[in-house]
Amino acid sequence: MNPADPRQVVATTPAGVARSTNAGATFARGEGPGMEYAVKLRTAVTDLALGDNIISQCCHGLAEPHDPPPRDWINGYPDVVDTWVFGHLCGLLPEQASSLAGSE
């Protein structure tokens, strides 16, 4: 077991003996409830990022009414959040459609 690899976890058998498993291999095969939960979580995080983006644009408009909003940051924010939260899964989750269209 490589302790630096976040995909490896330690599981305990019914007899109480610790054994290592590679969670990444399970995700890569698309097996187990972890994949289903991760996909649902990713959808929820994307929705949250899009909502946060809307609120941030409103706050910017109130705080800086004469300055245009930073379009490059607004358009890229949902993808930055997705990479920050799920980047460690190294592409094990299914590809998600770009969220740029929903952020404008």
PDB file of N, CA and C in Angstrom:
ATOM      1  N   MET A   1       0.844  -1.181   0.000  1.00  0.00           N
ATOM      2  CA  MET A   1       0.000   0.000   0.000  1.00  0.00           C
ATOM      3  C   MET A   1       0.881   1.232   0.000  1.00  0.00           C
ATOM      4  N   ASN A   2       0.526   2.194  -0.828  1.00  0.00           N
ATOM      5  CA  ASN A   2       1.247   3.450  -0.910  1.00  0.00           C
ATOM      6  C   ASN A   2       0.468   4.502  -0.130  1.00  0.00           C
ATOM      7  N   PRO A   3       0.960   4.951   1.047  1.00  0.00           N
ATOM      8  CA  PRO A   3       0.198   5.911   1.834  1.00  0.00           C
ATOM      9  C   PRO A   3       0.028   7.264   1.163  1.00  0.00           C
ATOM     10  N   ALA A   4       0.828   7.559   0.153  1.00  0.00           N
ATOM     11  CA  ALA A   4       0.701   8.835  -0.546  1.00  0.00           C
ATOM     12  C   ALA A   4      -0.401   8.806  -1.598  1.00  0.00           C
ATOM     13  N   ASP A   5      -0.907   7.622  -1.939  1.00  0.00           N
ATOM     14  CA  ASP A   5      -1.942   7.480  -2.955  1.00  0.00           C
ATOM     15  C   ASP A   5      -3.314   7.613  -2.303  1.00  0.00           C
ATOM     16  N   PRO A   6      -4.066   8.712  -2.577  1.00  0.00           N
ATOM     17  CA  PRO A   6      -5.354   8.907  -1.914  1.00  0.00           C
ATOM     18  C   PRO A   6      -6.411   7.903  -2.346  1.00  0.00           C
ATOM     19  N   ARG A   7      -6.151   7.157  -3.419  1.00  0.00           N
ATOM     20  CA  ARG A   7      -7.130   6.174  -3.871  1.00  0.00           C
ATOM     21  C   ARG A   7      -7.062   4.886  -3.076  1.00  0.00           C
ATOM     22  N   GLN A   8      -6.004   4.717  -2.305  1.00  0.00           N
ATOM     23  CA  GLN A   8      -5.876   3.510  -1.518  1.00  0.00           C
ATOM     24  C   GLN A   8      -6.399   3.765  -0.115  1.00  0.00           C
ATOM     25  N   VAL A   9      -7.243   2.878   0.336  1.00  0.00           N
ATOM     26  CA  VAL A   9      -7.811   2.988   1.667  1.00  0.00           C
ATOM     27  C   VAL A   9      -7.576   1.684   2.409  1.00  0.00           C
ATOM     28  N   VAL A  10      -7.718   1.739   3.701  1.00  0.00           N
ATOM     29  CA  VAL A  10      -7.563   0.529   4.498  1.00  0.00           C
ATOM     30  C   VAL A  10      -8.947   0.078   4.931  1.00  0.00           C
ATOM     31  N   ALA A  11      -9.270  -1.168   4.659  1.00  0.00           N
ATOM     32  CA  ALA A  11     -10.551  -1.743   5.061  1.00  0.00           C
ATOM     33  C   ALA A  11     -10.290  -2.810   6.110  1.00  0.00           C
ATOM     34  N   THR A  12     -11.246  -3.028   6.960  1.00  0.00           N
ATOM     35  CA  THR A  12     -11.117  -4.049   7.989  1.00  0.00           C
ATOM     36  C   THR A  12     -12.027  -5.212   7.644  1.00  0.00           C
ATOM     37  N   THR A  13     -11.487  -6.411   7.672  1.00  0.00           N
ATOM     38  CA  THR A  13     -12.274  -7.600   7.381  1.00  0.00           C
ATOM     39  C   THR A  13     -13.128  -7.930   8.595  1.00  0.00           C
ATOM     40  N   PRO A  14     -14.127  -8.816   8.436  1.00  0.00           N
ATOM     41  CA  PRO A  14     -14.949  -9.192   9.583  1.00  0.00           C
ATOM     42  C   PRO A  14     -14.129  -9.756  10.743  1.00  0.00           C
ATOM     43  N   ALA A  15     -12.996 -10.354  10.450  1.00  0.00           N
ATOM     44  CA  ALA A  15     -12.154 -10.905  11.510  1.00  0.00           C
ATOM     45  C   ALA A  15     -11.320  -9.824  12.189  1.00  0.00           C
ATOM     46  N   GLY A  16     -11.407  -8.603  11.708  1.00  0.00           N
ATOM     47  CA  GLY A  16     -10.679  -7.502  12.319  1.00  0.00           C
ATOM     48  C   GLY A  16      -9.279  -7.298  11.762  1.00  0.00           C
ATOM     49  N   VAL A  17      -8.951  -7.971  10.674  1.00  0.00           N
ATOM     50  CA  VAL A  17      -7.632  -7.842  10.074  1.00  0.00           C
ATOM     51  C   VAL A  17      -7.685  -6.719   9.043  1.00  0.00           C
ATOM     52  N   ALA A  18      -6.754  -5.791   9.140  1.00  0.00           N
ATOM     53  CA  ALA A  18      -6.726  -4.680   8.191  1.00  0.00           C
ATOM     54  C   ALA A  18      -6.149  -5.148   6.869  1.00  0.00           C
ATOM     55  N   ARG A  19      -6.737  -4.708   5.804  1.00  0.00           N
ATOM     56  CA  ARG A  19      -6.211  -5.003   4.474  1.00  0.00           C
ATOM     57  C   ARG A  19      -6.376  -3.750   3.639  1.00  0.00           C
ATOM     58  N   SER A  20      -5.513  -3.583   2.649  1.00  0.00           N
ATOM     59  CA  SER A  20      -5.612  -2.394   1.804  1.00  0.00           C
ATOM     60  C   SER A  20      -6.419  -2.735   0.567  1.00  0.00           C
ATOM     61  N   THR A  21      -7.153  -1.755   0.092  1.00  0.00           N
ATOM     62  CA  THR A  21      -7.892  -1.901  -1.150  1.00  0.00           C
ATOM     63  C   THR A  21      -7.577  -0.689  -2.010  1.00  0.00           C
ATOM     64  N   ASN A  22      -7.716  -0.844  -3.279  1.00  0.00           N
ATOM     65  CA  ASN A  22      -7.481   0.266  -4.180  1.00  0.00           C
ATOM     66  C   ASN A  22      -8.829   0.782  -4.656  1.00  0.00           C
ATOM     67  N   ALA A  23      -9.286   1.872  -4.046  1.00  0.00           N
ATOM     68  CA  ALA A  23     -10.579   2.439  -4.406  1.00  0.00           C
ATOM     69  C   ALA A  23     -10.572   2.918  -5.854  1.00  0.00           C
ATOM     70  N   GLY A  24      -9.437   3.330  -6.361  1.00  0.00           N
ATOM     71  CA  GLY A  24      -9.348   3.794  -7.738  1.00  0.00           C
ATOM     72  C   GLY A  24      -9.693   2.711  -8.732  1.00  0.00           C
ATOM     73  N   ALA A  25      -9.279   1.487  -8.459  1.00  0.00           N
ATOM     74  CA  ALA A  25      -9.584   0.377  -9.360  1.00  0.00           C
ATOM     75  C   ALA A  25     -11.083   0.129  -9.404  1.00  0.00           C
ATOM     76  N   THR A  26     -11.756   0.231  -8.267  1.00  0.00           N
ATOM     77  CA  THR A  26     -13.200   0.057  -8.220  1.00  0.00           C
ATOM     78  C   THR A  26     -13.893   1.145  -9.027  1.00  0.00           C
ATOM     79  N   PHE A  27     -13.440   2.399  -8.881  1.00  0.00           N
ATOM     80  CA  PHE A  27     -14.003   3.490  -9.655  1.00  0.00           C
ATOM     81  C   PHE A  27     -13.743   3.283 -11.139  1.00  0.00           C
ATOM     82  N   ALA A  28     -12.542   2.838 -11.499  1.00  0.00           N
ATOM     83  CA  ALA A  28     -12.178   2.676 -12.907  1.00  0.00           C
ATOM     84  C   ALA A  28     -13.076   1.650 -13.594  1.00  0.00           C
ATOM     85  N   ARG A  29     -13.512   0.654 -12.855  1.00  0.00           N
ATOM     86  CA  ARG A  29     -14.417  -0.355 -13.409  1.00  0.00           C
ATOM     87  C   ARG A  29     -15.868   0.120 -13.362  1.00  0.00           C
ATOM     88  N   GLY A  30     -16.129   1.257 -12.689  1.00  0.00           N
ATOM     89  CA  GLY A  30     -17.497   1.759 -12.576  1.00  0.00           C
ATOM     90  C   GLY A  30     -18.338   0.925 -11.637  1.00  0.00           C
ATOM     91  N   GLU A  31     -17.709   0.286 -10.683  1.00  0.00           N
ATOM     92  CA  GLU A  31     -18.410  -0.604  -9.763  1.00  0.00           C
ATOM     93  C   GLU A  31     -18.614   0.056  -8.415  1.00  0.00           C
ATOM     94  N   GLY A  32     -19.553  -0.485  -7.685  1.00  0.00           N
ATOM     95  CA  GLY A  32     -19.760  -0.071  -6.311  1.00  0.00           C
ATOM     96  C   GLY A  32     -20.577   1.191  -6.165  1.00  0.00           C
ATOM     97  N   PRO A  33     -21.115   1.376  -4.973  1.00  0.00           N
ATOM     98  CA  PRO A  33     -21.947   2.562  -4.736  1.00  0.00           C
ATOM     99  C   PRO A  33     -21.134   3.851  -4.710  1.00  0.00           C
ATOM    100  N   GLY A  34     -19.842   3.769  -4.483  1.00  0.00           N
ATOM    101  CA  GLY A  34     -19.010   4.966  -4.435  1.00  0.00           C
ATOM    102  C   GLY A  34     -19.054   5.755  -5.722  1.00  0.00           C
ATOM    103  N   MET A  35     -19.075   5.060  -6.852  1.00  0.00           N
ATOM    104  CA  MET A  35     -19.127   5.739  -8.151  1.00  0.00           C
ATOM    105  C   MET A  35     -20.439   6.487  -8.300  1.00  0.00           C
ATOM    106  N   GLU A  36     -21.542   5.835  -7.941  1.00  0.00           N
ATOM    107  CA  GLU A  36     -22.857   6.471  -8.050  1.00  0.00           C
ATOM    108  C   GLU A  36     -22.933   7.711  -7.164  1.00  0.00           C
ATOM    109  N   TYR A  37     -22.427   7.604  -5.935  1.00  0.00           N
ATOM    110  CA  TYR A  37     -22.445   8.749  -5.025  1.00  0.00           C
ATOM    111  C   TYR A  37     -21.540   9.875  -5.518  1.00  0.00           C
ATOM    112  N   ALA A  38     -20.401   9.515  -6.065  1.00  0.00           N
ATOM    113  CA  ALA A  38     -19.467  10.535  -6.563  1.00  0.00           C
ATOM    114  C   ALA A  38     -20.068  11.299  -7.742  1.00  0.00           C
ATOM    115  N   VAL A  39     -20.779  10.602  -8.616  1.00  0.00           N
ATOM    116  CA  VAL A  39     -21.423  11.265  -9.762  1.00  0.00           C
ATOM    117  C   VAL A  39     -22.515  12.210  -9.265  1.00  0.00           C
ATOM    118  N   LYS A  40     -23.307  11.756  -8.285  1.00  0.00           N
ATOM    119  CA  LYS A  40     -24.354  12.627  -7.724  1.00  0.00           C
ATOM    120  C   LYS A  40     -23.737  13.826  -7.010  1.00  0.00           C
ATOM    121  N   LEU A  41     -22.661  13.589  -6.281  1.00  0.00           N
ATOM    122  CA  LEU A  41     -21.989  14.680  -5.580  1.00  0.00           C
ATOM    123  C   LEU A  41     -21.420  15.685  -6.575  1.00  0.00           C
ATOM    124  N   ARG A  42     -20.866  15.183  -7.659  1.00  0.00           N
ATOM    125  CA  ARG A  42     -20.298  16.081  -8.674  1.00  0.00           C
ATOM    126  C   ARG A  42     -21.378  16.971  -9.284  1.00  0.00           C
ATOM    127  N   THR A  43     -22.548  16.404  -9.531  1.00  0.00           N
ATOM    128  CA  THR A  43     -23.664  17.189 -10.064  1.00  0.00           C
ATOM    129  C   THR A  43     -24.086  18.255  -9.059  1.00  0.00           C
ATOM    130  N   ALA A  44     -24.166  17.882  -7.786  1.00  0.00           N
ATOM    131  CA  ALA A  44     -24.562  18.845  -6.751  1.00  0.00           C
ATOM    132  C   ALA A  44     -23.521  19.950  -6.591  1.00  0.00           C
ATOM    133  N   VAL A  45     -22.245  19.601  -6.654  1.00  0.00           N
ATOM    134  CA  VAL A  45     -21.176  20.607  -6.535  1.00  0.00           C
ATOM    135  C   VAL A  45     -21.226  21.564  -7.725  1.00  0.00           C
ATOM    136  N   THR A  46     -21.493  21.044  -8.914  1.00  0.00           N
ATOM    137  CA  THR A  46     -21.616  21.903 -10.097  1.00  0.00           C
ATOM    138  C   THR A  46     -22.785  22.869  -9.937  1.00  0.00           C
ATOM    139  N   ASP A  47     -23.919  22.365  -9.468  1.00  0.00           N
ATOM    140  CA  ASP A  47     -25.078  23.237  -9.235  1.00  0.00           C
ATOM    141  C   ASP A  47     -24.756  24.311  -8.207  1.00  0.00           C
ATOM    142  N   LEU A  48     -24.060  23.934  -7.153  1.00  0.00           N
ATOM    143  CA  LEU A  48     -23.672  24.884  -6.114  1.00  0.00           C
ATOM    144  C   LEU A  48     -22.727  25.954  -6.677  1.00  0.00           C
ATOM    145  N   ALA A  49     -21.770  25.532  -7.491  1.00  0.00           N
ATOM    146  CA  ALA A  49     -20.825  26.489  -8.085  1.00  0.00           C
ATOM    147  C   ALA A  49     -21.547  27.463  -9.012  1.00  0.00           C
ATOM    148  N   LEU A  50     -22.504  26.967  -9.780  1.00  0.00           N
ATOM    149  CA  LEU A  50     -23.264  27.853 -10.664  1.00  0.00           C
ATOM    150  C   LEU A  50     -24.078  28.859  -9.854  1.00  0.00           C
ATOM    151  N   GLY A  51     -24.687  28.413  -8.768  1.00  0.00           N
ATOM    152  CA  GLY A  51     -25.438  29.320  -7.896  1.00  0.00           C
ATOM    153  C   GLY A  51     -24.533  30.342  -7.230  1.00  0.00           C
ATOM    154  N   ASP A  52     -23.377  29.882  -6.771  1.00  0.00           N
ATOM    155  CA  ASP A  52     -22.407  30.797  -6.156  1.00  0.00           C
ATOM    156  C   ASP A  52     -21.948  31.839  -7.167  1.00  0.00           C
ATOM    157  N   ASN A  53     -21.796  31.420  -8.401  1.00  0.00           N
ATOM    158  CA  ASN A  53     -21.383  32.328  -9.471  1.00  0.00           C
ATOM    159  C   ASN A  53     -22.423  33.432  -9.672  1.00  0.00           C
ATOM    160  N   ILE A  54     -23.688  33.079  -9.645  1.00  0.00           N
ATOM    161  CA  ILE A  54     -24.763  34.070  -9.809  1.00  0.00           C
ATOM    162  C   ILE A  54     -24.745  35.069  -8.655  1.00  0.00           C
ATOM    163  N   ILE A  55     -24.638  34.564  -7.429  1.00  0.00           N
ATOM    164  CA  ILE A  55     -24.612  35.439  -6.251  1.00  0.00           C
ATOM    165  C   ILE A  55     -23.379  36.350  -6.299  1.00  0.00           C
ATOM    166  N   SER A  56     -22.250  35.808  -6.689  1.00  0.00           N
ATOM    167  CA  SER A  56     -21.028  36.611  -6.774  1.00  0.00           C
ATOM    168  C   SER A  56     -21.159  37.720  -7.812  1.00  0.00           C
ATOM    169  N   GLN A  57     -21.808  37.428  -8.925  1.00  0.00           N
ATOM    170  CA  GLN A  57     -22.017  38.459  -9.950  1.00  0.00           C
ATOM    171  C   GLN A  57     -22.911  39.578  -9.411  1.00  0.00           C
ATOM    172  N   CYS A  58     -23.953  39.207  -8.663  1.00  0.00           N
ATOM    173  CA  CYS A  58     -24.837  40.229  -8.066  1.00  0.00           C
ATOM    174  C   CYS A  58     -24.071  41.083  -7.064  1.00  0.00           C
ATOM    175  N   CYS A  59     -23.264  40.443  -6.226  1.00  0.00           N
ATOM    176  CA  CYS A  59     -22.480  41.179  -5.230  1.00  0.00           C
ATOM    177  C   CYS A  59     -21.479  42.110  -5.914  1.00  0.00           C
ATOM    178  N   HIS A  60     -20.839  41.634  -6.969  1.00  0.00           N
ATOM    179  CA  HIS A  60     -19.898  42.469  -7.712  1.00  0.00           C
ATOM    180  C   HIS A  60     -20.618  43.681  -8.301  1.00  0.00           C
ATOM    181  N   GLY A  61     -21.813  43.457  -8.846  1.00  0.00           N
ATOM    182  CA  GLY A  61     -22.580  44.553  -9.427  1.00  0.00           C
ATOM    183  C   GLY A  61     -22.969  45.601  -8.400  1.00  0.00           C
ATOM    184  N   LEU A  62     -23.237  45.168  -7.169  1.00  0.00           N
ATOM    185  CA  LEU A  62     -23.579  46.116  -6.106  1.00  0.00           C
ATOM    186  C   LEU A  62     -22.345  46.850  -5.582  1.00  0.00           C
ATOM    187  N   ALA A  63     -21.252  46.109  -5.438  1.00  0.00           N
ATOM    188  CA  ALA A  63     -20.031  46.700  -4.877  1.00  0.00           C
ATOM    189  C   ALA A  63     -19.288  47.571  -5.890  1.00  0.00           C
ATOM    190  N   GLU A  64     -19.322  47.182  -7.143  1.00  0.00           N
ATOM    191  CA  GLU A  64     -18.592  47.895  -8.205  1.00  0.00           C
ATOM    192  C   GLU A  64     -19.544  48.179  -9.367  1.00  0.00           C
ATOM    193  N   PRO A  65     -20.520  49.068  -9.181  1.00  0.00           N
ATOM    194  CA  PRO A  65     -21.545  49.263 -10.224  1.00  0.00           C
ATOM    195  C   PRO A  65     -21.020  49.803 -11.544  1.00  0.00           C
ATOM    196  N   HIS A  66     -19.856  50.421 -11.547  1.00  0.00           N
ATOM    197  CA  HIS A  66     -19.331  51.012 -12.790  1.00  0.00           C
ATOM    198  C   HIS A  66     -18.280  50.132 -13.463  1.00  0.00           C
ATOM    199  N   ASP A  67     -17.900  49.046 -12.813  1.00  0.00           N
ATOM    200  CA  ASP A  67     -16.899  48.147 -13.390  1.00  0.00           C
ATOM    201  C   ASP A  67     -17.593  46.946 -14.035  1.00  0.00           C
ATOM    202  N   PRO A  68     -17.128  46.536 -15.207  1.00  0.00           N
ATOM    203  CA  PRO A  68     -17.717  45.342 -15.818  1.00  0.00           C
ATOM    204  C   PRO A  68     -17.309  44.098 -15.025  1.00  0.00           C
ATOM    205  N   PRO A  69     -18.148  43.099 -15.014  1.00  0.00           N
ATOM    206  CA  PRO A  69     -17.795  41.876 -14.297  1.00  0.00           C
ATOM    207  C   PRO A  69     -16.639  41.147 -14.983  1.00  0.00           C
ATOM    208  N   PRO A  70     -15.823  40.443 -14.222  1.00  0.00           N
ATOM    209  CA  PRO A  70     -14.681  39.711 -14.808  1.00  0.00           C
ATOM    210  C   PRO A  70     -15.158  38.454 -15.536  1.00  0.00           C
ATOM    211  N   ARG A  71     -15.510  38.608 -16.811  1.00  0.00           N
ATOM    212  CA  ARG A  71     -16.099  37.513 -17.598  1.00  0.00           C
ATOM    213  C   ARG A  71     -15.220  36.261 -17.656  1.00  0.00           C
ATOM    214  N   ASP A  72     -13.908  36.429 -17.771  1.00  0.00           N
ATOM    215  CA  ASP A  72     -13.043  35.247 -17.853  1.00  0.00           C
ATOM    216  C   ASP A  72     -13.145  34.416 -16.577  1.00  0.00           C
ATOM    217  N   TRP A  73     -13.179  35.074 -15.425  1.00  0.00           N
ATOM    218  CA  TRP A  73     -13.284  34.343 -14.158  1.00  0.00           C
ATOM    219  C   TRP A  73     -14.686  33.752 -14.002  1.00  0.00           C
ATOM    220  N   ILE A  74     -15.711  34.497 -14.372  1.00  0.00           N
ATOM    221  CA  ILE A  74     -17.090  34.014 -14.264  1.00  0.00           C
ATOM    222  C   ILE A  74     -17.279  32.763 -15.125  1.00  0.00           C
ATOM    223  N   ASN A  75     -16.801  32.811 -16.361  1.00  0.00           N
ATOM    224  CA  ASN A  75     -16.973  31.675 -17.264  1.00  0.00           C
ATOM    225  C   ASN A  75     -16.187  30.446 -16.831  1.00  0.00           C
ATOM    226  N   GLY A  76     -15.021  30.641 -16.236  1.00  0.00           N
ATOM    227  CA  GLY A  76     -14.191  29.510 -15.850  1.00  0.00           C
ATOM    228  C   GLY A  76     -14.431  28.973 -14.453  1.00  0.00           C
ATOM    229  N   TYR A  77     -15.168  29.724 -13.619  1.00  0.00           N
ATOM    230  CA  TYR A  77     -15.328  29.362 -12.207  1.00  0.00           C
ATOM    231  C   TYR A  77     -15.898  27.956 -11.970  1.00  0.00           C
ATOM    232  N   PRO A  78     -17.002  27.557 -12.630  1.00  0.00           N
ATOM    233  CA  PRO A  78     -17.523  26.206 -12.373  1.00  0.00           C
ATOM    234  C   PRO A  78     -16.517  25.102 -12.689  1.00  0.00           C
ATOM    235  N   ASP A  79     -15.751  25.269 -13.747  1.00  0.00           N
ATOM    236  CA  ASP A  79     -14.749  24.256 -14.089  1.00  0.00           C
ATOM    237  C   ASP A  79     -13.585  24.256 -13.100  1.00  0.00           C
ATOM    238  N   VAL A  80     -13.224  25.430 -12.584  1.00  0.00           N
ATOM    239  CA  VAL A  80     -12.167  25.511 -11.566  1.00  0.00           C
ATOM    240  C   VAL A  80     -12.610  24.792 -10.299  1.00  0.00           C
ATOM    241  N   VAL A  81     -13.861  24.994  -9.897  1.00  0.00           N
ATOM    242  CA  VAL A  81     -14.393  24.316  -8.711  1.00  0.00           C
ATOM    243  C   VAL A  81     -14.393  22.806  -8.927  1.00  0.00           C
ATOM    244  N   ASP A  82     -14.834  22.356 -10.099  1.00  0.00           N
ATOM    245  CA  ASP A  82     -14.868  20.926 -10.396  1.00  0.00           C
ATOM    246  C   ASP A  82     -13.463  20.319 -10.303  1.00  0.00           C
ATOM    247  N   THR A  83     -12.480  20.999 -10.865  1.00  0.00           N
ATOM    248  CA  THR A  83     -11.099  20.507 -10.808  1.00  0.00           C
ATOM    249  C   THR A  83     -10.583  20.495  -9.375  1.00  0.00           C
ATOM    250  N   TRP A  84     -10.917  21.539  -8.609  1.00  0.00           N
ATOM    251  CA  TRP A  84     -10.451  21.624  -7.223  1.00  0.00           C
ATOM    252  C   TRP A  84     -11.049  20.506  -6.373  1.00  0.00           C
ATOM    253  N   VAL A  85     -12.344  20.219  -6.551  1.00  0.00           N
ATOM    254  CA  VAL A  85     -13.004  19.217  -5.714  1.00  0.00           C
ATOM    255  C   VAL A  85     -12.729  17.796  -6.207  1.00  0.00           C
ATOM    256  N   PHE A  86     -12.771  17.568  -7.512  1.00  0.00           N
ATOM    257  CA  PHE A  86     -12.704  16.210  -8.041  1.00  0.00           C
ATOM    258  C   PHE A  86     -11.421  15.896  -8.809  1.00  0.00           C
ATOM    259  N   GLY A  87     -10.485  16.821  -8.872  1.00  0.00           N
ATOM    260  CA  GLY A  87      -9.254  16.598  -9.620  1.00  0.00           C
ATOM    261  C   GLY A  87      -8.437  15.421  -9.138  1.00  0.00           C
ATOM    262  N   HIS A  88      -8.512  15.136  -7.828  1.00  0.00           N
ATOM    263  CA  HIS A  88      -7.720  14.033  -7.278  1.00  0.00           C
ATOM    264  C   HIS A  88      -8.206  12.666  -7.751  1.00  0.00           C
ATOM    265  N   LEU A  89      -9.385  12.601  -8.348  1.00  0.00           N
ATOM    266  CA  LEU A  89      -9.888  11.323  -8.849  1.00  0.00           C
ATOM    267  C   LEU A  89      -9.273  10.960 -10.197  1.00  0.00           C
ATOM    268  N   CYS A  90      -8.438  11.838 -10.717  1.00  0.00           N
ATOM    269  CA  CYS A  90      -7.620  11.551 -11.903  1.00  0.00           C
ATOM    270  C   CYS A  90      -8.422  11.002 -13.081  1.00  0.00           C
ATOM    271  N   GLY A  91      -9.546  11.591 -13.364  1.00  0.00           N
ATOM    272  CA  GLY A  91     -10.314  11.164 -14.526  1.00  0.00           C
ATOM    273  C   GLY A  91     -11.071   9.867 -14.351  1.00  0.00           C
ATOM    274  N   LEU A  92     -11.244   9.397 -13.119  1.00  0.00           N
ATOM    275  CA  LEU A  92     -11.961   8.151 -12.907  1.00  0.00           C
ATOM    276  C   LEU A  92     -13.475   8.324 -13.021  1.00  0.00           C
ATOM    277  N   LEU A  93     -13.948   9.546 -12.802  1.00  0.00           N
ATOM    278  CA  LEU A  93     -15.372   9.823 -12.969  1.00  0.00           C
ATOM    279  C   LEU A  93     -15.680  10.007 -14.444  1.00  0.00           C
ATOM    280  N   PRO A  94     -16.918   9.739 -14.842  1.00  0.00           N
ATOM    281  CA  PRO A  94     -17.266   9.972 -16.250  1.00  0.00           C
ATOM    282  C   PRO A  94     -17.103  11.440 -16.610  1.00  0.00           C
ATOM    283  N   GLU A  95     -16.812  11.688 -17.863  1.00  0.00           N
ATOM    284  CA  GLU A  95     -16.627  13.058 -18.347  1.00  0.00           C
ATOM    285  C   GLU A  95     -17.909  13.841 -18.156  1.00  0.00           C
ATOM    286  N   GLN A  96     -17.772  15.061 -17.643  1.00  0.00           N
ATOM    287  CA  GLN A  96     -18.927  15.919 -17.424  1.00  0.00           C
ATOM    288  C   GLN A  96     -18.931  16.999 -18.484  1.00  0.00           C
ATOM    289  N   ALA A  97     -20.116  17.336 -18.972  1.00  0.00           N
ATOM    290  CA  ALA A  97     -20.217  18.399 -19.975  1.00  0.00           C
ATOM    291  C   ALA A  97     -19.717  19.701 -19.371  1.00  0.00           C
ATOM    292  N   SER A  98     -19.098  20.510 -20.189  1.00  0.00           N
ATOM    293  CA  SER A  98     -18.601  21.798 -19.728  1.00  0.00           C
ATOM    294  C   SER A  98     -19.743  22.632 -19.195  1.00  0.00           C
ATOM    295  N   SER A  99     -19.498  23.327 -18.095  1.00  0.00           N
ATOM    296  CA  SER A  99     -20.549  24.117 -17.465  1.00  0.00           C
ATOM    297  C   SER A  99     -20.452  25.584 -17.859  1.00  0.00           C
ATOM    298  N   LEU A 100     -19.661  25.913 -18.868  1.00  0.00           N
ATOM    299  CA  LEU A 100     -19.515  27.313 -19.270  1.00  0.00           C
ATOM    300  C   LEU A 100     -20.829  27.908 -19.765  1.00  0.00           C
ATOM    301  N   ALA A 101     -21.610  27.139 -20.483  1.00  0.00           N
ATOM    302  CA  ALA A 101     -22.846  27.668 -21.052  1.00  0.00           C
ATOM    303  C   ALA A 101     -23.845  28.034 -19.960  1.00  0.00           C
ATOM    304  N   GLY A 102     -23.833  27.314 -18.844  1.00  0.00           N
ATOM    305  CA  GLY A 102     -24.795  27.578 -17.787  1.00  0.00           C
ATOM    306  C   GLY A 102     -24.399  28.709 -16.877  1.00  0.00           C
ATOM    307  N   SER A 103     -23.195  29.258 -17.020  1.00  0.00           N
ATOM    308  CA  SER A 103     -22.738  30.273 -16.078  1.00  0.00           C
ATOM    309  C   SER A 103     -22.961  31.686 -16.568  1.00  0.00           C
ATOM    310  N   GLU A 104     -23.502  31.857 -17.764  1.00  0.00           N
ATOM    311  CA  GLU A 104     -23.718  33.206 -18.277  1.00  0.00           C
ATOM    312  C   GLU A 104     -25.133  33.654 -18.091  1.00  0.00           C
TER     313      GLU A 104
END
